[in-house]
Protein backbone atom coordinates (compact mmCIF):
# COMPACT_ATOMS: atom_id res chain seq x y z
CA MET A 1 0.05 -0.08 -0.06
CA PRO A 2 2.63 2.74 0.70
CA SER A 3 4.41 2.08 -2.75
CA ARG A 4 0.76 2.68 -4.26
CA PHE A 5 0.65 5.99 -2.44
CA LEU A 6 4.31 6.72 -3.43
CA ASN A 7 3.41 6.06 -6.89
CA VAL A 8 0.38 8.42 -6.79
CA LEU A 9 2.71 11.15 -5.41
CA THR A 10 5.35 10.49 -8.42
CA VAL A 11 2.64 10.67 -11.02
CA SER A 12 1.33 13.91 -9.39
CA SER A 13 4.44 15.65 -8.98
CA SER A 14 5.11 14.59 -12.59
CA THR A 15 1.94 16.04 -13.91
CA VAL A 16 2.14 19.18 -11.76
CA GLY A 17 5.08 20.46 -14.10
CA SER A 18 3.08 19.64 -17.15
CA ARG A 19 -0.23 21.20 -16.00
CA LEU A 20 1.45 24.18 -14.98
CA LEU A 21 3.03 24.32 -18.25
CA GLY A 22 -0.09 23.89 -19.97
CA LEU A 23 -1.72 26.72 -17.99
CA PHE A 24 1.08 28.76 -19.01
CA ARG A 25 0.39 27.71 -22.63
CA ASP A 26 -3.24 28.56 -22.21
CA ILE A 27 -2.42 31.87 -20.88
CA LEU A 28 0.10 32.54 -23.87
CA VAL A 29 -2.58 31.60 -26.26
CA PHE A 30 -5.44 33.54 -24.65
CA SER A 31 -3.11 36.81 -24.22
CA ILE A 32 -2.39 36.71 -27.94
CA PHE A 33 -5.76 35.55 -29.46
CA GLY A 34 -8.02 36.61 -26.74
CA SER A 35 -11.65 34.80 -27.18
CA SER A 36 -11.60 35.61 -30.80
CA LEU A 37 -12.90 33.67 -33.65
CA LEU A 38 -9.37 32.74 -34.38
CA ASN A 39 -8.95 31.15 -30.99
CA SER A 40 -12.28 29.61 -31.18
CA ALA A 41 -11.62 27.76 -34.43
CA PHE A 42 -8.21 26.51 -33.41
CA ILE A 43 -9.71 24.82 -30.04
CA LEU A 44 -12.40 23.41 -32.31
CA ALA A 45 -10.07 22.12 -34.89
CA ASN A 46 -7.78 20.85 -32.07
CA THR A 47 -10.57 18.86 -30.61
CA PHE A 48 -10.61 16.29 -33.85
CA PRO A 49 -7.04 15.09 -33.11
CA ASN A 50 -7.72 15.17 -29.19
CA LEU A 51 -11.06 13.27 -29.66
CA PHE A 52 -9.14 10.33 -31.28
CA ARG A 53 -6.52 10.76 -28.73
CA ARG A 54 -9.05 10.23 -26.02
CA LEU A 55 -10.89 7.76 -27.71
CA LEU A 56 -8.11 5.63 -29.07
CA GLY A 57 -4.96 6.72 -26.94
CA GLU A 58 -6.00 7.57 -23.37
CA GLY A 59 -9.45 5.64 -23.71
CA ALA A 60 -10.69 2.35 -25.04
CA LEU A 61 -7.25 1.54 -26.63
CA THR A 62 -5.19 1.89 -23.20
CA ALA A 63 -8.04 0.44 -21.05
CA ALA A 64 -8.25 -2.76 -23.46
CA LEU A 65 -4.46 -2.87 -23.38
CA LEU A 66 -3.42 -2.59 -19.73
CA PRO A 67 -5.33 -5.31 -18.38
CA LEU A 68 -4.08 -7.77 -21.27
CA LEU A 69 -0.34 -6.57 -20.62
CA THR A 70 -0.53 -6.82 -16.99
CA GLU A 71 -2.10 -10.29 -17.01
CA GLU A 72 0.63 -11.53 -19.54
CA LYS A 73 3.32 -10.15 -17.42
CA GLU A 74 2.00 -11.67 -14.24
CA LYS A 75 1.58 -15.26 -15.99
CA HIS A 76 4.39 -15.47 -18.48
CA GLY A 77 7.12 -12.53 -17.48
CA LYS A 78 8.39 -9.33 -19.23
CA GLU A 79 9.06 -10.83 -22.52
CA ARG A 80 5.76 -12.10 -23.25
CA LEU A 81 4.50 -8.67 -22.44
CA PHE A 82 6.82 -7.22 -25.12
CA TRP A 83 5.80 -10.00 -27.69
CA LEU A 84 2.03 -9.12 -27.22
CA TYR A 85 2.58 -5.44 -27.28
CA ASN A 86 4.35 -5.77 -30.52
CA LYS A 87 1.45 -7.44 -32.10
CA ILE A 88 -0.82 -4.92 -31.16
CA LEU A 89 1.16 -1.66 -31.74
CA SER A 90 1.72 -3.31 -35.48
CA ARG A 91 -2.30 -3.23 -35.82
CA VAL A 92 -2.58 0.19 -34.10
CA MET A 93 -0.03 1.88 -36.27
CA THR A 94 -1.84 0.79 -39.30
CA LEU A 95 -5.15 2.04 -38.22
CA LEU A 96 -3.64 5.34 -37.07
CA PHE A 97 -1.95 6.12 -40.45
CA ALA A 98 -5.04 5.11 -42.33
CA LEU A 99 -7.09 7.27 -40.10
CA VAL A 100 -5.14 10.11 -40.67
CA ALA A 101 -5.28 10.02 -44.42
CA ILE A 102 -9.12 9.40 -44.52
CA VAL A 103 -10.21 11.98 -41.98
CA SER A 104 -7.75 14.74 -43.36
CA PHE A 105 -9.10 13.95 -46.86
CA LEU A 106 -12.65 14.35 -45.73
CA MET A 107 -12.13 17.73 -43.83
CA ILE A 108 -10.60 19.09 -47.19
CA VAL A 109 -13.72 17.88 -49.07
CA VAL A 110 -16.14 19.42 -46.57
CA GLY A 111 -13.85 22.70 -46.85
CA GLN A 112 -14.83 22.98 -50.39
CA PHE A 113 -18.43 23.05 -50.26
CA PRO A 114 -19.84 26.04 -51.22
CA GLY A 115 -21.60 28.64 -49.03
CA ILE A 116 -19.82 27.51 -46.05
CA SER A 117 -19.15 30.26 -43.37
CA GLN A 118 -15.72 31.66 -42.52
CA ARG A 119 -16.27 30.44 -38.80
CA TRP A 120 -16.37 26.77 -40.11
CA ASP A 121 -13.97 27.23 -42.98
CA LEU A 122 -11.26 28.42 -40.80
CA ALA A 123 -12.03 25.58 -38.35
CA LEU A 124 -11.66 22.80 -41.00
CA LEU A 125 -8.21 24.42 -42.28
CA LEU A 126 -6.75 24.28 -38.94
CA GLY A 127 -8.27 21.03 -38.63
CA VAL A 128 -6.32 19.52 -41.52
CA LEU A 129 -2.96 21.09 -40.15
CA LEU A 130 -3.53 19.61 -36.71
CA PHE A 131 -4.98 16.11 -37.20
CA PRO A 132 -1.61 14.30 -37.92
CA TYR A 133 -0.93 15.11 -34.09
CA MET A 134 -3.41 12.26 -33.77
CA ALA A 135 -1.46 9.49 -34.79
CA LEU A 136 1.63 10.61 -32.81
CA ILE A 137 -0.23 11.09 -29.46
CA CYS A 138 -2.26 7.84 -29.67
CA LEU A 139 1.04 5.92 -30.35
CA ALA A 140 2.49 7.67 -27.53
CA ALA A 141 -0.51 6.34 -25.25
CA THR A 142 0.21 2.75 -26.09
CA PHE A 143 3.78 3.17 -25.07
CA ALA A 144 2.40 4.55 -21.82
CA ALA A 145 0.26 1.63 -21.17
CA ALA A 146 3.14 -0.48 -21.60
CA LEU A 147 5.19 1.48 -19.26
CA ASN A 148 2.38 1.32 -16.67
CA ALA A 149 2.06 -2.34 -17.12
CA LEU A 150 5.81 -2.28 -16.06
CA GLN A 151 4.97 -0.13 -13.04
CA ARG A 152 6.79 2.76 -14.80
CA PHE A 153 4.60 6.02 -14.21
CA ALA A 154 6.72 9.17 -14.06
CA ILE A 155 7.90 9.14 -18.10
CA PRO A 156 4.15 8.59 -19.17
CA ALA A 157 3.01 11.23 -16.71
CA LEU A 158 5.67 13.78 -18.30
CA THR A 159 4.22 13.24 -21.79
CA ALA A 160 2.45 16.53 -22.05
CA VAL A 161 5.40 18.62 -21.07
CA TRP A 162 6.94 18.11 -24.26
CA LEU A 163 3.94 19.38 -26.03
CA ASN A 164 3.46 22.36 -23.96
CA LEU A 165 7.01 23.33 -23.97
CA SER A 166 7.11 22.82 -27.91
CA ILE A 167 3.97 25.29 -28.30
CA ILE A 168 5.47 27.89 -25.80
CA LEU A 169 8.64 28.09 -27.90
CA PHE A 170 6.95 28.09 -31.29
CA LEU A 171 4.15 30.63 -30.45
CA GLY A 172 5.83 32.56 -27.90
CA GLY A 173 9.34 32.30 -29.00
CA LEU A 174 9.18 32.27 -32.56
CA GLY A 175 5.75 33.08 -33.79
CA TYR A 176 5.20 36.08 -31.73
CA PHE A 177 8.43 37.89 -32.98
CA ALA A 178 8.51 36.39 -36.39
CA THR A 179 5.11 38.10 -37.57
CA GLU A 180 2.33 40.62 -36.35
CA VAL A 181 -0.43 38.73 -38.67
CA PRO A 182 -2.78 36.79 -36.25
CA LEU A 183 -3.41 33.91 -38.90
CA TYR A 184 0.51 33.58 -39.35
CA ARG A 185 0.71 33.42 -35.60
CA MET A 186 -1.85 30.64 -35.65
CA TYR A 187 0.26 28.62 -38.01
CA TRP A 188 3.21 28.49 -35.83
CA LEU A 189 1.03 27.48 -32.86
CA CYS A 190 0.04 24.43 -35.25
CA PHE A 191 3.35 23.71 -35.91
CA GLY A 192 4.46 23.73 -32.33
CA VAL A 193 1.75 21.17 -31.65
CA LEU A 194 3.13 18.74 -34.26
CA VAL A 195 6.54 19.09 -33.05
CA GLY A 196 5.47 18.55 -29.57
CA GLY A 197 3.70 15.43 -30.80
CA ILE A 198 7.01 13.82 -32.12
CA PHE A 199 8.80 14.49 -28.86
CA GLN A 200 5.71 12.78 -27.05
CA LEU A 201 6.25 9.63 -29.24
CA MET A 202 9.95 9.48 -29.04
CA ILE A 203 10.60 9.81 -25.30
CA PRO A 204 8.42 7.03 -24.05
CA TRP A 205 9.57 4.87 -27.13
CA MET A 206 13.19 5.23 -25.78
CA ALA A 207 12.14 4.82 -22.15
CA LEU A 208 10.47 1.31 -23.42
CA ARG A 209 13.56 0.16 -25.09
CA ARG A 210 15.60 0.65 -21.89
CA GLU A 211 13.29 -1.81 -20.32
CA GLY A 212 14.52 -4.05 -23.15
CA TRP A 213 11.70 -4.08 -25.68
CA ARG A 214 12.46 -3.66 -29.39
CA PHE A 215 10.23 -2.90 -32.15
CA GLU A 216 9.00 -5.85 -34.51
CA LEU A 217 6.38 -5.54 -37.11
CA ASP A 218 4.07 -8.86 -36.22
CA PHE A 219 0.63 -9.27 -37.96
CA LYS A 220 0.46 -13.06 -37.19
CA PRO A 221 -3.03 -13.74 -35.55
CA SER A 222 -3.17 -14.97 -31.77
CA LYS A 223 -5.58 -15.44 -29.23
CA GLU A 224 -4.55 -12.56 -27.16
CA VAL A 225 -4.85 -10.20 -30.21
CA LYS A 226 -8.46 -11.59 -30.60
CA ASP A 227 -9.02 -10.77 -26.88
CA PHE A 228 -7.59 -7.21 -27.58
CA GLY A 229 -10.10 -6.58 -30.39
CA ARG A 230 -13.00 -8.13 -28.44
CA LEU A 231 -12.24 -5.69 -25.54
CA LEU A 232 -11.51 -2.70 -27.78
CA LEU A 233 -14.77 -2.33 -29.77
CA PRO A 234 -17.14 -1.85 -27.03
CA GLY A 235 -14.61 0.25 -25.48
CA ILE A 236 -14.26 2.56 -28.52
CA LEU A 237 -18.13 2.88 -28.79
CA GLY A 238 -18.05 3.97 -25.09
CA ALA A 239 -15.49 6.39 -25.15
CA SER A 240 -16.42 7.64 -28.53
CA VAL A 241 -19.51 8.87 -26.88
CA ILE A 242 -17.67 10.52 -24.16
CA GLN A 243 -15.44 12.53 -26.84
CA ILE A 244 -18.33 12.79 -29.44
CA ASN A 245 -20.30 14.77 -26.56
CA ILE A 246 -17.24 17.00 -26.14
CA LEU A 247 -17.12 17.79 -30.11
CA VAL A 248 -20.95 18.12 -29.98
CA SER A 249 -20.72 20.61 -27.14
CA ARG A 250 -18.17 22.69 -28.75
CA SER A 251 -19.80 22.49 -32.09
CA LEU A 252 -23.14 23.75 -30.68
CA ALA A 253 -21.03 26.67 -28.95
CA HIS A 254 -19.66 27.60 -32.08
CA PHE A 255 -23.15 28.26 -33.41
CA ILE A 256 -23.96 30.69 -30.51
CA ASP A 257 -21.25 33.23 -30.96
CA GLU A 258 -17.62 33.80 -32.21
CA SER A 259 -16.29 33.67 -28.37
CA ALA A 260 -18.33 30.94 -26.78
CA VAL A 261 -15.84 28.05 -27.96
CA SER A 262 -13.09 29.86 -26.34
CA ILE A 263 -14.68 30.51 -23.02
CA TYR A 264 -16.09 27.34 -22.82
CA TYR A 265 -12.83 25.76 -23.36
CA LEU A 266 -10.84 28.06 -20.80
CA ALA A 267 -13.54 27.17 -17.87
CA ASN A 268 -13.27 23.58 -18.67
CA ARG A 269 -9.58 23.53 -18.66
CA LEU A 270 -9.23 25.34 -15.28
CA VAL A 271 -11.41 22.51 -13.63
CA GLU A 272 -9.12 19.88 -15.42
CA LEU A 273 -6.10 21.11 -13.44
CA PRO A 274 -7.25 19.34 -10.02
CA LEU A 275 -8.56 16.47 -12.26
CA GLY A 276 -5.54 15.87 -14.28
CA ILE A 277 -2.87 16.57 -11.57
CA PHE A 278 -4.54 14.20 -8.87
CA THR A 279 -7.70 12.23 -10.08
CA ILE A 280 -5.84 11.02 -13.33
CA ALA A 281 -2.70 10.37 -11.18
CA ILE A 282 -4.87 8.25 -8.79
CA ALA A 283 -6.62 6.60 -11.29
CA THR A 284 -3.35 5.73 -13.32
CA VAL A 285 -1.86 4.18 -10.17
CA TYR A 286 -4.80 2.48 -9.01
CA PHE A 287 -5.85 0.55 -12.42
CA PRO A 288 -3.33 -1.77 -12.33
CA ALA A 289 -3.94 -2.61 -8.77
CA PHE A 290 -7.85 -2.89 -9.85
CA SER A 291 -6.46 -5.19 -12.61
CA GLU A 292 -4.55 -7.36 -10.32
CA CYS A 293 -7.26 -7.83 -7.76
CA ALA A 294 -9.52 -8.73 -10.82
CA SER A 295 -7.37 -11.29 -12.31
CA ARG A 296 -7.11 -12.83 -8.84
CA GLY A 297 -10.74 -12.61 -8.46
CA ASP A 298 -10.26 -11.12 -5.04
CA ARG A 299 -13.60 -8.91 -5.12
CA ASN A 300 -13.20 -7.83 -1.35
CA GLU A 301 -9.53 -6.69 -1.99
CA PHE A 302 -10.72 -4.92 -5.08
CA GLY A 303 -13.48 -3.33 -3.03
CA LYS A 304 -11.09 -2.01 -0.41
CA THR A 305 -8.70 -0.73 -2.86
CA PHE A 306 -11.35 1.00 -4.72
CA ARG A 307 -12.62 2.71 -1.59
CA GLN A 308 -9.21 4.03 -0.79
CA SER A 309 -9.06 5.45 -4.12
CA ILE A 310 -12.43 7.28 -3.62
CA ARG A 311 -11.37 8.60 -0.22
CA LEU A 312 -8.20 10.18 -1.86
CA MET A 313 -10.24 11.45 -4.77
CA PHE A 314 -12.79 13.02 -2.87
CA ALA A 315 -10.04 14.63 -0.52
CA ILE A 316 -8.97 16.56 -3.51
CA THR A 317 -11.90 17.37 -5.52
CA VAL A 318 -14.63 18.40 -3.10
CA PRO A 319 -12.19 21.27 -1.50
CA ALA A 320 -11.31 22.15 -5.45
CA THR A 321 -14.91 22.49 -6.21
CA VAL A 322 -15.44 24.88 -3.10
CA GLY A 323 -12.51 26.96 -4.25
CA PHE A 324 -13.68 27.53 -7.68
CA LEU A 325 -16.97 28.50 -6.33
CA VAL A 326 -15.60 31.03 -3.88
CA MET A 327 -12.19 32.10 -5.59
CA GLY A 328 -13.23 31.59 -9.32
CA GLU A 329 -13.24 35.43 -10.14
CA PRO A 330 -9.86 36.16 -8.75
CA ILE A 331 -8.23 32.97 -10.31
CA ILE A 332 -9.38 33.74 -13.82
CA ALA A 333 -8.54 37.54 -13.59
CA PHE A 334 -4.81 36.83 -12.23
CA LEU A 335 -4.10 34.02 -14.59
CA PHE A 336 -5.79 35.24 -18.01
CA GLU A 337 -6.49 39.18 -17.73
CA TRP A 338 -3.37 39.87 -20.08
CA GLY A 339 -2.99 41.05 -23.49
CA ALA A 340 -6.07 40.66 -25.58
CA PHE A 341 -8.23 39.03 -22.66
CA ARG A 342 -10.28 41.43 -20.81
CA ALA A 343 -12.36 41.93 -17.62
CA ALA A 344 -15.43 41.38 -19.88
CA ASP A 345 -14.09 37.87 -20.89
CA THR A 346 -13.65 37.05 -17.14
CA ALA A 347 -17.17 37.79 -16.38
CA LEU A 348 -18.21 35.56 -19.54
CA THR A 349 -15.81 32.96 -18.15
CA LEU A 350 -17.01 32.99 -14.62
CA PRO A 351 -20.56 31.48 -14.55
CA LEU A 352 -19.12 28.50 -16.97
CA LEU A 353 -16.30 27.96 -14.16
CA TRP A 354 -18.81 27.60 -11.41
CA THR A 355 -21.08 25.20 -13.55
CA PHE A 356 -18.20 22.86 -14.46
CA ALA A 357 -16.82 22.94 -10.83
CA LEU A 358 -20.20 21.65 -9.42
CA GLY A 359 -19.28 18.17 -11.63
CA LEU A 360 -15.75 17.83 -10.63
CA PRO A 361 -16.43 14.97 -8.16
CA PHE A 362 -18.78 13.37 -10.62
CA TYR A 363 -16.04 13.76 -13.26
CA SER A 364 -13.34 11.96 -11.11
CA MET A 365 -16.02 9.26 -9.95
CA VAL A 366 -16.33 8.25 -13.36
CA VAL A 367 -12.66 7.99 -14.31
CA LEU A 368 -12.49 5.52 -11.25
CA LEU A 369 -15.67 3.63 -12.06
CA VAL A 370 -15.07 3.15 -15.60
CA ARG A 371 -11.52 1.68 -14.88
CA GLY A 372 -12.95 -0.48 -12.41
CA PHE A 373 -15.15 -2.03 -15.10
CA TYR A 374 -12.21 -2.57 -17.37
CA ALA A 375 -10.19 -4.15 -14.63
CA PHE A 376 -12.75 -7.17 -14.95
CA LYS A 377 -12.45 -6.82 -18.90
CA ASP A 378 -16.16 -5.34 -19.11
CA THR A 379 -16.07 -2.66 -21.67
CA LYS A 380 -19.61 -3.22 -22.65
CA ALA A 381 -21.73 -1.90 -19.50
CA PRO A 382 -19.60 1.53 -19.60
CA MET A 383 -20.36 1.87 -23.30
CA LYS A 384 -24.10 1.32 -22.48
CA ILE A 385 -24.27 3.88 -19.84
CA SER A 386 -21.99 6.27 -22.06
CA ILE A 387 -24.56 6.20 -24.74
CA PHE A 388 -27.21 7.19 -22.27
CA ALA A 389 -25.19 9.79 -20.74
CA PHE A 390 -24.64 11.01 -24.48
CA VAL A 391 -28.22 11.15 -25.42
CA LEU A 392 -29.11 13.04 -22.05
CA ASN A 393 -26.43 15.71 -22.72
CA LEU A 394 -27.34 16.18 -26.12
CA ILE A 395 -31.21 16.79 -25.43
CA LEU A 396 -30.36 18.80 -22.22
CA SER A 397 -27.85 20.82 -24.27
CA LEU A 398 -30.48 21.49 -27.05
CA VAL A 399 -32.88 22.50 -24.62
CA LEU A 400 -30.72 24.61 -22.03
CA MET A 401 -28.67 26.62 -24.58
CA GLN A 402 -31.81 27.97 -25.73
CA ILE A 403 -32.54 29.28 -22.32
CA LEU A 404 -28.94 29.74 -20.70
CA GLY A 405 -26.68 30.02 -23.90
CA VAL A 406 -23.15 28.54 -23.46
CA VAL A 407 -23.84 28.12 -19.65
CA GLY A 408 -26.62 25.76 -20.67
CA LEU A 409 -24.31 23.66 -22.49
CA ALA A 410 -22.03 23.19 -19.24
CA LEU A 411 -24.92 22.46 -17.26
CA ALA A 412 -26.10 19.88 -19.47
CA ASN A 413 -22.72 18.23 -19.26
CA VAL A 414 -22.68 18.37 -15.49
CA LEU A 415 -26.09 16.74 -15.20
CA ALA A 416 -25.44 14.10 -17.59
CA ILE A 417 -22.01 13.12 -15.96
CA LEU A 418 -24.21 12.93 -12.73
CA GLY A 419 -26.38 10.63 -14.17
CA GLN A 420 -23.51 8.48 -15.69
CA THR A 421 -21.97 8.21 -12.15
CA ILE A 422 -24.96 7.18 -10.30
CA LEU A 423 -25.88 4.40 -12.88
CA LEU A 424 -21.94 3.16 -13.00
CA ALA A 425 -21.80 2.81 -9.29
CA GLY A 426 -24.95 1.11 -8.93
CA MET A 427 -24.25 -1.28 -11.71
CA LEU A 428 -20.54 -2.02 -10.50
CA SER A 429 -21.64 -2.55 -7.04
CA SER A 430 -24.49 -4.86 -7.90
CA ARG A 431 -21.98 -6.79 -10.16
CA LEU A 432 -19.36 -7.44 -7.37
CA LYS A 433 -21.90 -7.77 -4.53
CA LEU A 434 -20.44 -5.22 -2.66
CA SER A 435 -20.88 -1.68 -1.53
CA LEU A 436 -18.38 0.58 -3.14
CA VAL A 437 -19.20 3.33 -0.71
CA LYS A 438 -19.15 1.19 2.38
CA ASP A 439 -17.50 3.13 5.50
CA LEU A 440 -17.16 6.31 3.43
CA THR A 441 -19.96 8.31 5.12
CA ILE A 442 -17.64 9.56 7.99
CA ASP A 443 -14.88 10.19 5.81
CA VAL A 444 -16.91 12.37 3.50
CA LEU A 445 -18.48 14.26 6.53
CA LYS A 446 -14.79 15.06 7.64
CA ILE A 447 -13.87 16.46 3.98
CA ALA A 448 -17.11 18.38 3.87
CA ILE A 449 -16.43 20.04 7.40
CA SER A 450 -12.94 20.72 6.55
CA SER A 451 -14.12 22.46 3.29
CA VAL A 452 -16.42 24.85 5.42
CA VAL A 453 -13.80 25.52 7.40
CA MET A 454 -11.49 26.75 4.35
CA VAL A 455 -14.28 28.95 3.08
CA LEU A 456 -14.52 30.42 6.25
CA ALA A 457 -10.89 31.26 6.23
CA VAL A 458 -11.23 32.48 2.65
CA LEU A 459 -14.12 34.98 3.91
CA GLY A 460 -11.87 36.06 6.73
CA CYS A 461 -8.74 36.87 4.54
CA ARG A 462 -10.60 38.70 1.73
CA PRO A 463 -11.51 41.60 3.43
CA LEU A 464 -7.94 42.05 4.83
CA VAL A 465 -6.58 41.86 1.34
CA GLU A 466 -9.40 44.39 -0.33
CA ALA A 467 -8.31 46.68 2.72
CA MET A 468 -4.57 46.75 1.37
CA PRO A 469 -3.41 49.69 -0.85
CA LEU A 470 -3.19 47.46 -3.85
CA THR A 471 -3.86 47.81 -7.65
CA ALA A 472 -6.68 45.52 -9.12
CA LYS A 473 -4.00 43.00 -10.33
CA GLY A 474 -2.13 43.30 -7.21
CA GLU A 475 -5.15 42.09 -5.09
CA VAL A 476 -5.95 39.08 -7.14
CA ALA A 477 -2.17 38.26 -7.13
CA VAL A 478 -2.01 38.23 -3.21
CA LEU A 479 -5.51 36.23 -3.43
CA VAL A 480 -4.09 33.54 -5.61
CA LEU A 481 -0.43 33.34 -4.58
CA ILE A 482 -0.98 33.82 -0.72
CA VAL A 483 -4.26 33.37 0.57
CA ILE A 484 -5.09 30.06 -1.53
CA PRO A 485 -1.99 28.34 -0.27
CA VAL A 486 -2.97 29.57 3.28
CA VAL A 487 -6.54 28.07 2.96
CA VAL A 488 -5.35 24.86 1.70
CA VAL A 489 -3.17 24.28 4.63
CA VAL A 490 -5.84 25.22 6.76
CA TYR A 491 -8.05 22.45 4.99
CA PHE A 492 -5.38 19.98 5.02
CA GLY A 493 -4.62 20.73 8.95
CA THR A 494 -8.44 20.50 9.74
CA LEU A 495 -8.21 16.99 7.89
CA TRP A 496 -5.63 16.25 10.15
CA LEU A 497 -7.29 17.11 13.32
CA PHE A 498 -10.10 14.92 12.36
CA ARG A 499 -7.73 12.05 11.73
CA PHE A 500 -8.88 11.35 8.10
CA SER A 501 -8.03 7.95 7.12
CA GLU A 502 -5.08 8.57 4.75
CA MET A 503 -3.52 11.43 6.33
CA GLU A 504 -0.90 9.67 8.12
CA GLN A 505 0.31 7.60 5.28
CA LEU A 506 0.28 10.53 3.11
CA ARG A 507 2.54 12.35 5.39
CA GLN A 508 5.07 9.80 5.66
CA LEU A 509 4.97 9.47 1.82
CA PHE A 510 5.35 13.22 1.19
CA GLN A 511 8.44 13.10 3.66
CA ARG A 512 9.96 10.10 1.95
CA PHE A 513 9.19 11.68 -1.33
CA ALA A 514 10.95 15.03 -0.34
CA ARG A 515 13.99 13.02 1.03
CA ARG A 516 14.31 11.14 -2.28
CA ASN A 517 14.12 14.43 -4.29
CA SER A 518 16.88 15.96 -1.82
CA SER A 519 19.12 13.07 -1.84
CA ARG A 520 18.77 13.37 -6.09
CA ASP A 521 19.96 17.02 -5.60
């Protein structure tokens, strides 16, 4: 168990750098392009390769691949894992290259239709430039799955770092000074995405080679490959529902006005920070543990491990939700009110941030619950529930966007993810004949009370900051850089006083982690 906590800390700390760079990347992009049509077109165009990345790379493909590789390693050792991986990689590479050619051709054809508006023509143009990134990142995700099966977590967690560094270099360092034409700067941004994708592929490739893997094309059929295909197809259908949801929501936002896609994306990205740093780290580390319990048929141990992951996840996402509700405005103003992004854009983004924040615990629950099903090689049940969530989201989006505009799209997404969470939790508990939320009431109550104490601390600090002789930017800087860290300490201190289940182990592991890093220095 301690090693599992340490792995969570390792992945989280590796991901922090990536997420902070991603945040700086977004600040740079929004400071140059604001919430303009060009930025909205880029975000929508980038949704296409990212749809396939999450669908194939981080979604169904990884979910189908990791349990099989883990089982192969447990039964036959590392060499057999590499043998199976080469068989699957050969097929995946062929599929990805074909997809790039077909989808790019279709976007070019659609772009030639007469009467297409500039708003959509620009999105399709950028989509053609960006779509090859899909193949690079999906292949990188298969390497991440193989490394995770070998209990290597740090290198995969750093994957996004190379993309963010490349974008910052090409847009902020080269494109910004090379031209003042916004469209040409956008081309530099797209080139940065592609170069970043190359690095995202090559670095885990080299890490896997150091483990002893050597690439060989292998298209010979085998039972294991058939098992992979059997798991993959329902997983693709299930994961595609989630990703098509994102594409549909952004496309509907593109119909509302020129800035809707930009502010929708920005609010969602802020909520994804705690999701990406902690929840994904917890799910990444616990997924192999879920798979090991499932392969042994030990349902009681699975339930115990799953509840532990839920406690950790709630301890992060609940206060994060409360923090966004209370401190959302200064967070947006401090981070993004630069250059072309104005106070009016902050005002437009804030209601979306509040809405997405309410769904944060449910997004996190779905991540864990889906991996729980995948650990038992069941991709059909999550697929069916995802289809229900998609239909619900689509209906609610079409209704609520007429009433609340782009905020209605965010609210529809949250309500759909709530329904998905309830169905997934009920079905998995019923299948395993055990309660996945057993003995969690007291811990959740401790988290809730500690979050209330944190809010009271914020309310006590804000008048003091507002009384200081500061500029508007200085005031939000103090709130974000000083007050937020202080109230986070208050929150965890309160959890400590309440003897929250995982606090002592986390404290020991943070100390071990710090000693490890200091010894490396």
